[in-house]
Amino acid sequence: MNYLNKAKIKKFLPFFLGFFISFCLINYKFFILDLLLDNNYESLDYIRPAKIFYDTNSFSLLLESLYARLPTYPLLISSLFNFFGEENFISILFFQSVLYGLIVHISLKIKDIFIKKYFWLSLIIILFNLNLLLSSTLILPDILLVFFVTNGIYFYLLFFKKKNKYFYLFIGSIFFGFSFLTKPAAILLPFFLCFSLIIFFIFNKRVNIYKKILFSVSPLLIIYMMASPIYIFHYQQSGIATISYHKGGHLLFVVYPCLSQKWGCGVGNKVAAEKAIKIDKEIKTNSFKNKYGTVGQNFDKTNLADTIQITEIYEEKAYKLIKEIKTSQIIQSAFSSYMKVMLHTSLIGFIDFFNINYINYKIPDNFNKITFIWLIGQIFLITSRFFQIYGTVSYLKSNKKNIFSIIFLILICICFLIPTLSSGNPRYRLPLEIILSLLTILGVRKFIKNNL
């Protein structure tokens, strides 16, 4: 009986602890710091289309109002409005605390696929992943993306373990499909899933060639079928089949200035940023003139067809500008930015709670309790990176039968890292955090076994 009670505690405790910690942090931000809607983030870009769908129930109007965002998160917000009211934004965050609890629970189930022991150690490492925990307190789609990615990883790993259970592959692909519809960061996901399955089936000789081909391309088929209404809608409106018109603007206004900066972003190169703004004005002026025969001061941003066509021009211009940058500069900037993405603690955002602009924040001149908290977070993060490398190498050496699962996780990391090119924001590594936590667990476990 005592064993059963312990088993039940271990089964439900991760969810309740995850929910409780996130819930308390949300209440602290809301009631103490009054930070429900943080102006440093693009929360209104998702609330606005959610309200439109709530008021109209029109998918067409929803898609028109997204402004380069994707529909899954606004649809979630709209459904919460149906239960809790249109102005009850706190309900969004409370629901996200539920998602955080579920992420912690599923992450431990992923851990069990690799190692059965070390429950409490694993719970602590996953539970206090600060990047994930803080993201659950922001009205942004990141925590929803992580939820979908975590579930997709779990079902794919079950498929790799049990091999002939194709149901797991199907369910995992659906979760990854929702990831694809949540943030543009997942744009390469279908291709990397396909590549992963090709590698898996090459070494699985029990499956015939026809099944290998069919199941290898199944993620592409499932994900693009799920996304097809958006592609069709954009094509009907503009003649361009695209999932989002985020790419062109991102390349011109973010990637180009950041690659022009010696050590990446941080903050983009000012000269390049000004050049991008100038090109933007020229593109909009020419497009307005071609369409209306006159030169207009303000291009109609609400016209979806015009916006999609303009972002295509942004993309062309951005690639031309990037080609003008020296290859050595691009490599240096990209490498530096990836280091920032992976080695900056998300606690750098903690000083946002105190309305401090950390771009101009000089640590040597302001060493206080805020920077002390940041420093502790930074030390823990860098230490965890060493454990992750150690855990990955050790597991690959000692578990050759299950080696493909680690290869799969590494491919998923690469898939999400490529679109972060040139940006040093730790938010961009959020889809990787569950994988990084797992690798930390493997590293700490191996260190304990070898040294204690």
Protein backbone atom coordinates (compact mmCIF):
# COMPACT_ATOMS: atom_id res chain seq x y z
CA MET A 1 0.00 0.00 0.00
CA ASN A 2 2.86 2.36 0.89
CA TYR A 3 4.48 1.60 -2.49
CA LEU A 4 1.24 2.46 -4.29
CA ASN A 5 1.03 5.80 -2.48
CA LYS A 6 4.61 6.61 -3.46
CA ALA A 7 3.89 5.63 -7.08
CA LYS A 8 0.83 7.90 -7.15
CA ILE A 9 2.81 10.79 -5.65
CA LYS A 10 5.52 10.40 -8.28
CA LYS A 11 2.88 10.23 -10.99
CA PHE A 12 1.00 13.43 -10.12
CA LEU A 13 3.55 15.48 -8.16
CA PRO A 14 5.47 16.82 -11.23
CA PHE A 15 2.31 18.33 -12.70
CA PHE A 16 1.10 19.91 -9.46
CA LEU A 17 4.52 21.31 -8.55
CA GLY A 18 4.98 22.75 -12.04
CA PHE A 19 1.50 24.28 -11.96
CA PHE A 20 1.95 25.64 -8.42
CA ILE A 21 5.35 27.30 -9.00
CA SER A 22 4.25 28.90 -12.27
CA PHE A 23 0.94 29.96 -10.70
CA CYS A 24 2.74 31.63 -7.76
CA LEU A 25 5.16 33.47 -10.07
CA ILE A 26 2.24 34.70 -12.20
CA ASN A 27 0.46 35.98 -9.09
CA TYR A 28 3.65 37.74 -7.96
CA LYS A 29 4.03 39.48 -11.32
CA PHE A 30 0.34 40.39 -11.50
CA PHE A 31 -0.50 41.45 -7.94
CA ILE A 32 2.89 42.71 -6.69
CA LEU A 33 4.66 44.01 -9.81
CA ASP A 34 1.53 44.80 -11.88
CA LEU A 35 3.06 43.18 -14.99
CA LEU A 36 0.13 41.47 -16.68
CA LEU A 37 0.91 42.90 -20.13
CA ASP A 38 4.62 43.59 -20.47
CA ASN A 39 5.33 46.32 -23.06
CA ASN A 40 8.69 44.69 -23.85
CA TYR A 41 6.88 41.83 -25.59
CA GLU A 42 4.45 41.46 -28.50
CA SER A 43 1.50 40.11 -26.48
CA LEU A 44 -1.05 42.38 -28.18
CA ASP A 45 -0.11 40.91 -31.57
CA TYR A 46 -1.82 37.71 -30.38
CA ILE A 47 -4.62 39.18 -28.25
CA ARG A 48 -5.86 41.41 -31.09
CA PRO A 49 -6.62 38.58 -33.59
CA ALA A 50 -7.99 36.46 -30.73
CA LYS A 51 -10.55 39.19 -30.00
CA ILE A 52 -11.45 39.44 -33.69
CA PHE A 53 -12.12 35.69 -33.86
CA TYR A 54 -14.02 35.81 -30.56
CA ASP A 55 -16.28 38.57 -31.92
CA THR A 56 -16.77 37.24 -35.47
CA ASN A 57 -16.05 33.47 -35.49
CA SER A 58 -14.49 34.10 -38.90
CA PHE A 59 -11.28 32.23 -39.78
CA SER A 60 -10.75 34.53 -42.76
CA LEU A 61 -10.79 37.64 -40.57
CA LEU A 62 -8.53 35.86 -38.06
CA LEU A 63 -5.94 35.05 -40.73
CA GLU A 64 -6.11 38.57 -42.14
CA SER A 65 -5.49 40.07 -38.70
CA LEU A 66 -2.48 37.94 -37.71
CA TYR A 67 0.19 40.31 -39.12
CA ALA A 68 2.89 37.67 -39.68
CA ARG A 69 1.89 35.64 -36.61
CA LEU A 70 0.47 32.12 -36.70
CA PRO A 71 -3.05 31.13 -35.61
CA THR A 72 -2.72 28.45 -32.91
CA TYR A 73 -2.05 30.75 -29.95
CA PRO A 74 -4.73 33.35 -30.87
CA LEU A 75 -7.22 30.49 -31.25
CA LEU A 76 -6.30 29.25 -27.77
CA ILE A 77 -6.76 32.75 -26.33
CA SER A 78 -10.10 33.10 -28.09
CA SER A 79 -11.33 29.81 -26.62
CA LEU A 80 -10.32 31.02 -23.14
CA PHE A 81 -12.31 34.22 -23.76
CA ASN A 82 -15.37 32.01 -24.31
CA PHE A 83 -15.03 30.59 -20.77
CA PHE A 84 -13.60 33.50 -18.78
CA GLY A 85 -14.58 36.67 -20.65
CA GLU A 86 -12.97 38.86 -23.28
CA GLU A 87 -11.06 41.15 -20.91
CA ASN A 88 -9.90 38.44 -18.50
CA PHE A 89 -6.27 38.24 -19.64
CA ILE A 90 -5.12 36.67 -16.37
CA SER A 91 -6.96 33.48 -17.42
CA ILE A 92 -4.44 33.10 -20.27
CA LEU A 93 -1.56 33.03 -17.81
CA PHE A 94 -3.34 30.68 -15.41
CA PHE A 95 -3.91 28.27 -18.30
CA GLN A 96 -0.22 28.56 -19.16
CA SER A 97 0.63 27.47 -15.62
CA VAL A 98 -1.38 24.30 -16.38
CA LEU A 99 0.66 23.87 -19.57
CA TYR A 100 3.87 24.28 -17.58
CA GLY A 101 2.75 21.55 -15.16
CA LEU A 102 2.00 19.25 -18.10
CA ILE A 103 5.40 20.02 -19.67
CA VAL A 104 7.15 19.03 -16.43
CA HIS A 105 5.09 15.82 -16.26
CA ILE A 106 5.75 14.80 -19.88
CA SER A 107 9.44 15.71 -19.59
CA LEU A 108 9.84 13.21 -16.75
CA LYS A 109 8.18 10.55 -18.89
CA ILE A 110 10.75 11.35 -21.60
CA LYS A 111 13.48 10.98 -18.98
CA ASP A 112 12.10 7.52 -18.09
CA ILE A 113 12.69 6.38 -21.68
CA PHE A 114 16.42 6.92 -21.09
CA ILE A 115 16.83 6.22 -17.35
CA LYS A 116 14.31 4.98 -14.78
CA LYS A 117 16.01 6.23 -11.62
CA TYR A 118 16.90 9.72 -10.34
CA PHE A 119 13.31 10.94 -10.07
CA TRP A 120 13.94 13.75 -7.56
CA LEU A 121 17.11 14.97 -9.27
CA SER A 122 15.31 15.01 -12.63
CA LEU A 123 12.28 16.78 -11.16
CA ILE A 124 14.41 19.59 -9.72
CA ILE A 125 16.38 20.10 -12.96
CA ILE A 126 13.24 20.19 -15.13
CA LEU A 127 11.07 22.10 -12.67
CA PHE A 128 13.53 24.97 -12.28
CA ASN A 129 14.37 25.47 -15.92
CA LEU A 130 14.17 29.24 -15.53
CA ASN A 131 13.79 30.01 -19.22
CA LEU A 132 10.68 27.82 -19.40
CA LEU A 133 9.33 28.94 -16.05
CA LEU A 134 9.58 32.64 -16.91
CA SER A 135 8.06 32.05 -20.35
CA SER A 136 4.96 30.59 -18.69
CA THR A 137 4.35 34.03 -17.12
CA LEU A 138 4.28 35.91 -20.46
CA ILE A 139 1.32 36.18 -22.84
CA LEU A 140 3.31 34.76 -25.73
CA PRO A 141 3.09 31.49 -27.73
CA ASP A 142 6.45 30.15 -26.52
CA ILE A 143 5.09 27.95 -23.73
CA LEU A 144 2.44 26.51 -26.08
CA LEU A 145 5.15 25.77 -28.66
CA VAL A 146 7.22 23.97 -26.01
CA PHE A 147 4.16 21.95 -24.95
CA PHE A 148 3.58 20.73 -28.51
CA VAL A 149 7.29 20.04 -29.14
CA THR A 150 7.63 18.13 -25.85
CA ASN A 151 4.67 15.90 -26.71
CA GLY A 152 5.97 15.36 -30.24
CA ILE A 153 9.39 14.34 -28.91
CA TYR A 154 7.81 11.96 -26.40
CA PHE A 155 5.73 10.08 -28.98
CA TYR A 156 8.59 9.91 -31.49
CA LEU A 157 10.89 8.46 -28.82
CA LEU A 158 8.22 5.87 -27.99
CA PHE A 159 8.06 4.99 -31.67
CA PHE A 160 11.85 4.59 -31.90
CA LYS A 161 11.78 2.38 -28.81
CA LYS A 162 8.88 0.14 -29.87
CA LYS A 163 9.59 0.38 -33.63
CA ASN A 164 6.39 -1.15 -35.01
CA LYS A 165 3.95 1.12 -33.13
CA TYR A 166 3.19 3.48 -35.99
CA PHE A 167 0.37 5.05 -33.98
CA TYR A 168 3.02 6.86 -31.90
CA LEU A 169 4.57 8.24 -35.07
CA PHE A 170 1.19 9.55 -36.22
CA ILE A 171 0.35 11.21 -32.87
CA GLY A 172 3.85 12.68 -32.61
CA SER A 173 3.57 14.17 -36.10
CA ILE A 174 0.25 15.81 -35.19
CA PHE A 175 1.83 17.46 -32.14
CA PHE A 176 4.74 18.62 -34.30
CA GLY A 177 2.17 19.90 -36.79
CA PHE A 178 0.65 22.11 -34.09
CA SER A 179 4.20 23.33 -33.34
CA PHE A 180 4.52 24.29 -37.01
CA LEU A 181 1.30 26.32 -36.70
CA THR A 182 2.36 28.08 -33.50
CA LYS A 183 5.61 29.91 -34.31
CA PRO A 184 7.75 30.41 -37.46
CA ALA A 185 10.68 29.00 -35.46
CA ALA A 186 9.37 25.53 -36.41
CA ILE A 187 9.60 26.24 -40.16
CA LEU A 188 12.31 23.58 -40.74
CA LEU A 189 10.73 20.97 -38.48
CA PRO A 190 8.98 18.84 -41.18
CA PHE A 191 12.24 18.38 -43.09
CA PHE A 192 14.29 17.45 -40.03
CA LEU A 193 11.65 14.96 -38.91
CA CYS A 194 11.71 13.43 -42.37
CA PHE A 195 15.52 13.27 -42.30
CA SER A 196 15.45 11.67 -38.83
CA LEU A 197 13.08 8.95 -40.00
CA ILE A 198 15.18 8.26 -43.10
CA ILE A 199 18.20 7.63 -40.85
CA PHE A 200 16.09 5.49 -38.50
CA PHE A 201 14.64 3.32 -41.27
CA ILE A 202 18.02 2.85 -42.99
CA PHE A 203 19.16 0.92 -39.92
CA ASN A 204 15.82 -0.82 -39.37
CA LYS A 205 16.08 -3.77 -41.74
CA ARG A 206 12.79 -5.36 -40.69
CA VAL A 207 10.73 -2.74 -42.55
CA ASN A 208 10.29 -3.11 -46.33
CA ILE A 209 11.36 -0.34 -48.69
CA TYR A 210 7.83 0.87 -49.44
CA LYS A 211 6.97 1.34 -45.77
CA LYS A 212 10.31 3.06 -45.23
CA ILE A 213 9.50 5.65 -47.92
CA LEU A 214 5.90 6.11 -46.78
CA PHE A 215 6.66 6.56 -43.09
CA SER A 216 9.74 8.71 -43.74
CA VAL A 217 7.68 11.30 -45.60
CA SER A 218 4.66 10.99 -43.28
CA PRO A 219 5.64 14.03 -41.13
CA LEU A 220 5.82 16.19 -44.26
CA LEU A 221 2.40 14.98 -45.40
CA ILE A 222 0.71 15.35 -42.01
CA ILE A 223 2.19 18.75 -41.12
CA TYR A 224 1.57 20.33 -44.52
CA MET A 225 -1.96 18.93 -44.61
CA MET A 226 -2.59 20.60 -41.24
CA ALA A 227 -1.13 23.87 -42.54
CA SER A 228 -2.77 23.70 -45.99
CA PRO A 229 -5.77 25.97 -45.15
CA ILE A 230 -3.34 28.81 -44.36
CA TYR A 231 -1.30 28.23 -47.53
CA ILE A 232 -4.48 28.13 -49.61
CA PHE A 233 -5.89 31.27 -48.00
CA HIS A 234 -2.69 33.27 -48.56
CA TYR A 235 -2.47 32.02 -52.15
CA GLN A 236 -6.06 33.05 -52.84
CA GLN A 237 -5.43 36.50 -51.38
CA SER A 238 -2.03 37.29 -52.90
CA GLY A 239 -1.03 34.61 -55.42
CA ILE A 240 1.78 33.52 -53.04
CA ALA A 241 1.54 30.24 -51.10
CA THR A 242 3.13 30.91 -47.71
CA ILE A 243 2.55 29.93 -44.08
CA SER A 244 3.40 33.42 -42.82
CA TYR A 245 4.75 36.72 -44.10
CA HIS A 246 7.16 36.88 -41.15
CA LYS A 247 10.26 35.74 -43.06
CA GLY A 248 10.91 38.75 -45.32
CA GLY A 249 10.65 41.36 -42.58
CA HIS A 250 12.68 39.22 -40.17
CA LEU A 251 15.49 38.84 -42.70
CA LEU A 252 15.61 42.55 -43.58
CA PHE A 253 15.08 44.15 -40.16
CA VAL A 254 16.65 41.56 -37.83
CA VAL A 255 19.00 39.11 -39.58
CA TYR A 256 20.72 41.63 -41.87
CA PRO A 257 21.52 44.23 -39.13
CA CYS A 258 22.60 41.48 -36.74
CA LEU A 259 24.92 39.78 -39.26
CA SER A 260 26.38 43.23 -39.98
CA GLN A 261 27.27 43.59 -36.30
CA LYS A 262 30.75 42.29 -35.45
CA TRP A 263 29.64 40.08 -32.56
CA GLY A 264 26.02 39.57 -33.61
CA CYS A 265 22.92 40.64 -31.65
CA GLY A 266 22.40 41.95 -28.86
CA VAL A 267 21.69 45.08 -30.77
CA GLY A 268 21.89 45.22 -34.56
CA ASN A 269 24.30 47.40 -36.52
CA LYS A 270 22.85 50.94 -36.59
CA VAL A 271 24.02 51.73 -40.14
CA ALA A 272 22.53 48.47 -41.45
CA ALA A 273 19.30 49.08 -39.52
CA GLU A 274 18.96 52.56 -41.03
CA LYS A 275 19.65 51.12 -44.48
CA ALA A 276 16.89 48.53 -43.96
CA ILE A 277 14.42 51.30 -42.97
CA LYS A 278 15.36 53.30 -46.06
CA ILE A 279 14.84 50.26 -48.31
CA ASP A 280 11.51 49.62 -46.59
CA LYS A 281 10.31 53.14 -47.47
CA GLU A 282 11.47 52.76 -51.07
CA ILE A 283 9.72 49.41 -51.47
CA LYS A 284 6.44 50.70 -50.04
CA THR A 285 6.57 53.92 -52.07
CA ASN A 286 7.21 52.04 -55.33
CA SER A 287 4.53 49.45 -54.55
CA PHE A 288 2.01 52.19 -53.76
CA LYS A 289 2.91 54.07 -56.94
CA ASN A 290 2.65 50.94 -59.11
CA LYS A 291 -0.74 50.10 -57.67
CA TYR A 292 -2.38 53.53 -57.44
CA GLY A 293 -0.36 55.65 -59.88
CA THR A 294 0.59 58.14 -57.16
CA VAL A 295 3.17 58.26 -54.39
CA GLY A 296 1.61 57.64 -51.00
CA GLN A 297 3.12 58.41 -47.60
CA ASN A 298 1.64 55.41 -45.82
CA PHE A 299 1.21 52.02 -47.38
CA ASP A 300 -1.95 50.13 -46.44
CA LYS A 301 -0.72 47.60 -43.86
CA THR A 302 -4.17 46.09 -43.46
CA ASN A 303 -4.21 44.86 -47.06
CA LEU A 304 -3.07 41.25 -46.76
CA ALA A 305 -2.24 40.78 -50.44
CA ASP A 306 -0.07 43.92 -50.50
CA THR A 307 1.69 42.93 -47.29
CA ILE A 308 2.56 39.42 -48.48
CA GLN A 309 3.84 40.72 -51.82
CA ILE A 310 5.96 43.36 -50.08
CA THR A 311 7.51 40.81 -47.72
CA GLU A 312 8.55 38.78 -50.76
CA ILE A 313 10.44 41.87 -51.96
CA TYR A 314 11.91 42.28 -48.44
CA GLU A 315 13.25 38.73 -48.70
CA GLU A 316 14.90 39.35 -52.08
CA LYS A 317 16.49 42.60 -50.89
CA ALA A 318 17.66 41.02 -47.63
CA TYR A 319 19.43 38.16 -49.42
CA LYS A 320 21.19 40.66 -51.71
CA LEU A 321 22.35 42.73 -48.74
CA ILE A 322 23.52 39.65 -46.82
CA LYS A 323 25.56 38.53 -49.85
CA GLU A 324 27.43 41.85 -49.68
CA ILE A 325 28.64 41.06 -46.13
CA LYS A 326 32.05 39.36 -45.92
CA THR A 327 31.84 35.61 -45.31
CA SER A 328 34.21 35.87 -42.34
CA GLN A 329 31.96 38.53 -40.80
CA ILE A 330 28.85 36.35 -41.25
CA ILE A 331 30.59 33.36 -39.64
CA GLN A 332 31.87 35.44 -36.73
CA SER A 333 28.52 37.13 -36.16
CA ALA A 334 26.51 33.90 -36.43
CA PHE A 335 28.87 31.99 -34.11
CA SER A 336 28.79 34.78 -31.54
CA SER A 337 25.00 34.98 -31.68
CA TYR A 338 24.61 31.23 -31.20
CA MET A 339 26.89 31.47 -28.16
CA LYS A 340 24.67 34.20 -26.75
CA VAL A 341 21.53 32.17 -27.40
CA MET A 342 22.97 29.15 -25.60
CA LEU A 343 24.97 30.86 -22.83
CA HIS A 344 22.81 33.81 -21.74
CA THR A 345 20.59 33.10 -18.77
CA SER A 346 16.98 34.18 -19.19
CA LEU A 347 17.34 35.86 -15.79
CA ILE A 348 18.76 38.81 -17.71
CA GLY A 349 15.07 39.57 -18.20
CA PHE A 350 14.62 39.60 -14.41
CA ILE A 351 15.77 43.24 -14.34
CA ASP A 352 12.81 44.03 -16.63
CA PHE A 353 10.67 43.58 -13.50
CA PHE A 354 12.34 46.70 -12.12
CA ASN A 355 11.94 48.77 -15.32
CA ILE A 356 15.68 48.78 -16.01
CA ASN A 357 16.96 48.91 -19.59
CA TYR A 358 19.56 46.13 -19.56
CA ILE A 359 21.01 47.27 -22.93
CA ASN A 360 22.53 50.23 -21.08
CA TYR A 361 23.01 48.34 -17.81
CA LYS A 362 26.67 48.14 -16.74
CA ILE A 363 27.16 45.33 -14.23
CA PRO A 364 30.44 46.62 -12.64
CA ASP A 365 28.71 49.93 -11.81
CA ASN A 366 25.46 48.38 -10.55
CA PHE A 367 26.35 45.23 -8.63
CA ASN A 368 23.41 44.71 -6.29
CA LYS A 369 20.80 42.08 -5.47
CA ILE A 370 19.46 42.17 -9.06
CA THR A 371 22.81 41.51 -10.70
CA PHE A 372 23.64 38.94 -8.01
CA ILE A 373 20.54 36.94 -8.97
CA TRP A 374 21.54 37.27 -12.63
CA LEU A 375 25.12 36.12 -11.83
CA ILE A 376 23.94 33.01 -9.95
CA GLY A 377 21.66 32.12 -12.87
CA GLN A 378 24.54 32.60 -15.30
CA ILE A 379 26.86 30.32 -13.29
CA PHE A 380 24.22 27.57 -13.09
CA LEU A 381 23.51 27.84 -16.83
CA ILE A 382 27.15 27.55 -17.91
CA THR A 383 27.69 24.66 -15.48
CA SER A 384 24.67 22.88 -16.95
CA ARG A 385 26.16 23.21 -20.45
CA PHE A 386 29.23 21.23 -19.34
CA PHE A 387 26.99 18.53 -17.88
CA GLN A 388 24.98 18.42 -21.13
CA ILE A 389 28.09 17.84 -23.25
CA TYR A 390 29.36 15.27 -20.75
CA GLY A 391 25.99 13.51 -20.62
CA THR A 392 25.64 13.38 -24.42
CA VAL A 393 29.13 11.96 -25.01
CA SER A 394 28.81 9.44 -22.15
CA TYR A 395 25.41 8.20 -23.31
CA LEU A 396 26.55 7.82 -26.93
CA LYS A 397 29.52 5.73 -25.75
CA SER A 398 27.66 3.48 -23.33
CA ASN A 399 24.23 3.01 -24.97
CA LYS A 400 24.88 2.20 -28.60
CA LYS A 401 21.56 0.35 -28.93
CA ASN A 402 19.64 3.52 -28.08
CA ILE A 403 22.02 5.88 -29.87
CA PHE A 404 19.44 7.01 -32.40
CA SER A 405 17.26 8.65 -29.73
CA ILE A 406 20.10 11.03 -28.85
CA ILE A 407 20.80 11.68 -32.56
CA PHE A 408 17.10 12.54 -33.00
CA LEU A 409 17.22 15.02 -30.10
CA ILE A 410 20.35 16.65 -31.52
CA LEU A 411 18.64 17.02 -34.92
CA ILE A 412 15.63 18.68 -33.26
CA CYS A 413 18.00 21.12 -31.55
CA ILE A 414 19.68 21.96 -34.88
CA CYS A 415 16.27 22.38 -36.50
CA PHE A 416 15.31 25.13 -34.04
CA LEU A 417 18.77 26.69 -33.84
CA ILE A 418 19.11 27.42 -37.58
CA PRO A 419 16.24 29.99 -37.68
CA THR A 420 17.79 31.85 -34.71
CA LEU A 421 20.70 32.87 -36.99
CA SER A 422 22.26 36.14 -35.78
CA SER A 423 19.90 36.72 -32.82
CA GLY A 424 21.31 36.36 -29.30
CA ASN A 425 17.98 36.26 -27.44
CA PRO A 426 17.65 33.32 -24.97
CA ARG A 427 13.93 33.14 -25.82
CA TYR A 428 14.93 31.54 -29.13
CA ARG A 429 16.28 28.45 -27.38
CA LEU A 430 12.98 27.75 -25.57
CA PRO A 431 12.02 24.82 -27.88
CA LEU A 432 15.35 23.19 -26.92
CA GLU A 433 15.02 23.55 -23.16
CA ILE A 434 13.42 20.16 -22.48
CA ILE A 435 16.14 18.43 -24.51
CA LEU A 436 18.83 20.44 -22.70
CA SER A 437 17.30 19.52 -19.33
CA LEU A 438 17.34 15.82 -20.28
CA LEU A 439 21.00 16.03 -21.32
CA THR A 440 21.79 17.78 -18.01
CA ILE A 441 20.13 14.89 -16.15
CA LEU A 442 22.18 12.35 -18.11
CA GLY A 443 25.39 14.29 -17.37
CA VAL A 444 24.74 14.76 -13.64
CA ARG A 445 23.71 11.11 -13.30
CA LYS A 446 26.92 9.94 -15.00
CA PHE A 447 29.02 12.28 -12.84
CA ILE A 448 27.37 10.94 -9.66
CA LYS A 449 27.93 7.32 -10.75
CA ASN A 450 31.59 7.92 -11.55
CA ASN A 451 32.58 10.17 -8.67
CA LEU A 452 30.25 9.64 -5.70
